[in-house]
C-alpha atoms as a PDB file:
ATOM      1  CA  UNK A   1      31.575  68.015 -73.645  1.00  0.00           C
ATOM      2  CA  UNK A   2      31.000  65.149 -76.036  1.00  0.00           C
ATOM      3  CA  UNK A   3      27.415  64.097 -76.813  1.00  0.00           C
ATOM      4  CA  UNK A   4      28.079  60.732 -75.135  1.00  0.00           C
ATOM      5  CA  UNK A   5      29.029  62.500 -71.927  1.00  0.00           C
ATOM      6  CA  UNK A   6      25.916  64.691 -72.071  1.00  0.00           C
ATOM      7  CA  UNK A   7      23.822  61.514 -72.364  1.00  0.00           C
ATOM      8  CA  UNK A   8      25.625  59.928 -69.401  1.00  0.00           C
ATOM      9  CA  UNK A   9      27.232  57.213 -71.538  1.00  0.00           C
ATOM     10  CA  UNK A  10      30.683  55.727 -71.170  1.00  0.00           C
ATOM     11  CA  UNK A  11      33.497  57.809 -72.633  1.00  0.00           C
ATOM     12  CA  UNK A  12      36.465  56.778 -74.719  1.00  0.00           C
ATOM     13  CA  UNK A  13      39.041  58.570 -76.859  1.00  0.00           C
ATOM     14  CA  UNK A  14      36.391  59.573 -79.406  1.00  0.00           C
ATOM     15  CA  UNK A  15      35.232  62.203 -76.901  1.00  0.00           C
ATOM     16  CA  UNK A  16      38.682  63.790 -77.149  1.00  0.00           C
ATOM     17  CA  UNK A  17      38.529  63.720 -80.947  1.00  0.00           C
ATOM     18  CA  UNK A  18      35.101  65.385 -80.818  1.00  0.00           C
ATOM     19  CA  UNK A  19      36.421  68.079 -78.474  1.00  0.00           C
ATOM     20  CA  UNK A  20      39.426  68.734 -80.720  1.00  0.00           C
ATOM     21  CA  UNK A  21      37.069  69.067 -83.701  1.00  0.00           C
ATOM     22  CA  UNK A  22      34.904  71.568 -81.838  1.00  0.00           C
ATOM     23  CA  UNK A  23      37.975  73.589 -80.887  1.00  0.00           C
ATOM     24  CA  UNK A  24      39.173  73.632 -84.504  1.00  0.00           C
ATOM     25  CA  UNK A  25      35.715  74.663 -85.739  1.00  0.00           C
ATOM     26  CA  UNK A  26      35.623  77.517 -83.206  1.00  0.00           C
ATOM     27  CA  UNK A  27      39.167  78.649 -84.075  1.00  0.00           C
ATOM     28  CA  UNK A  28      38.337  78.784 -87.770  1.00  0.00           C
ATOM     29  CA  UNK A  29      34.975  80.542 -87.430  1.00  0.00           C
ATOM     30  CA  UNK A  30      35.570  82.774 -84.384  1.00  0.00           C
ATOM     31  CA  UNK A  31      32.162  81.564 -83.118  1.00  0.00           C
ATOM     32  CA  UNK A  32      31.115  79.322 -80.244  1.00  0.00           C
ATOM     33  CA  UNK A  33      29.588  76.183 -81.748  1.00  0.00           C
ATOM     34  CA  UNK A  34      26.964  75.278 -79.148  1.00  0.00           C
ATOM     35  CA  UNK A  35      26.698  78.507 -77.120  1.00  0.00           C
ATOM     36  CA  UNK A  36      23.176  79.367 -75.994  1.00  0.00           C
ATOM     37  CA  UNK A  37      21.456  81.469 -73.336  1.00  0.00           C
ATOM     38  CA  UNK A  38      21.629  78.766 -70.673  1.00  0.00           C
ATOM     39  CA  UNK A  39      23.112  75.376 -69.925  1.00  0.00           C
ATOM     40  CA  UNK A  40      19.974  73.424 -70.852  1.00  0.00           C
ATOM     41  CA  UNK A  41      19.741  75.051 -74.287  1.00  0.00           C
ATOM     42  CA  UNK A  42      23.487  74.569 -74.855  1.00  0.00           C
ATOM     43  CA  UNK A  43      23.115  70.837 -74.121  1.00  0.00           C
ATOM     44  CA  UNK A  44      20.072  70.697 -76.401  1.00  0.00           C
ATOM     45  CA  UNK A  45      22.111  72.201 -79.235  1.00  0.00           C
ATOM     46  CA  UNK A  46      24.958  69.773 -78.570  1.00  0.00           C
ATOM     47  CA  UNK A  47      22.639  66.770 -78.706  1.00  0.00           C
ATOM     48  CA  UNK A  48      20.155  67.655 -81.422  1.00  0.00           C
ATOM     49  CA  UNK A  49      21.183  70.418 -83.801  1.00  0.00           C
ATOM     50  CA  UNK A  50      23.245  69.661 -86.914  1.00  0.00           C
ATOM     51  CA  UNK A  51      26.727  71.155 -86.929  1.00  0.00           C
ATOM     52  CA  UNK A  52      27.076  73.733 -89.697  1.00  0.00           C
ATOM     53  CA  UNK A  53      30.124  73.493 -91.879  1.00  0.00           C
ATOM     54  CA  UNK A  54      32.910  75.973 -91.287  1.00  0.00           C
ATOM     55  CA  UNK A  55      32.274  77.506 -94.708  1.00  0.00           C
ATOM     56  CA  UNK A  56      28.589  78.026 -93.902  1.00  0.00           C
ATOM     57  CA  UNK A  57      29.743  80.349 -91.134  1.00  0.00           C
ATOM     58  CA  UNK A  58      32.754  81.832 -92.949  1.00  0.00           C
ATOM     59  CA  UNK A  59      32.936  81.299 -96.721  1.00  0.00           C
ATOM     60  CA  UNK A  60      36.512  82.662 -96.666  1.00  0.00           C
ATOM     61  CA  UNK A  61      37.782  79.470 -95.029  1.00  0.00           C
ATOM     62  CA  UNK A  62      39.735  77.456 -97.637  1.00  0.00           C
ATOM     63  CA  UNK A  63      37.748  74.795 -99.472  1.00  0.00           C
ATOM     64  CA  UNK A  64      40.478  72.264 -98.654  1.00  0.00           C
ATOM     65  CA  UNK A  65      39.345  72.253 -95.030  1.00  0.00           C
ATOM     66  CA  UNK A  66      35.858  71.228 -96.125  1.00  0.00           C
ATOM     67  CA  UNK A  67      37.361  68.413 -98.167  1.00  0.00           C
ATOM     68  CA  UNK A  68      39.162  67.163 -95.057  1.00  0.00           C
ATOM     69  CA  UNK A  69      35.854  67.126 -93.200  1.00  0.00           C
ATOM     70  CA  UNK A  70      34.165  65.110 -95.941  1.00  0.00           C
ATOM     71  CA  UNK A  71      37.072  62.677 -96.194  1.00  0.00           C
ATOM     72  CA  UNK A  72      36.815  62.039 -92.451  1.00  0.00           C
ATOM     73  CA  UNK A  73      33.055  61.527 -92.687  1.00  0.00           C
ATOM     74  CA  UNK A  74      33.490  58.874 -95.389  1.00  0.00           C
ATOM     75  CA  UNK A  75      36.152  56.971 -93.449  1.00  0.00           C
END
């Protein structure tokens, strides 16, 4: 679920891009990004916690993937 959807806002294709990014993050780290004990805490994490970089979770992930993330953030 994209943050916009959790806030009840209108959705567009950026929600799909966000979801694809979450899936990639989870595939690379073998961790669930926003998983918590319950639905309310999961939504809280989605809305308010910063997303750690892939290399913060797994330093073995190639540096080039971090560069892609930074290039996207600057665009």
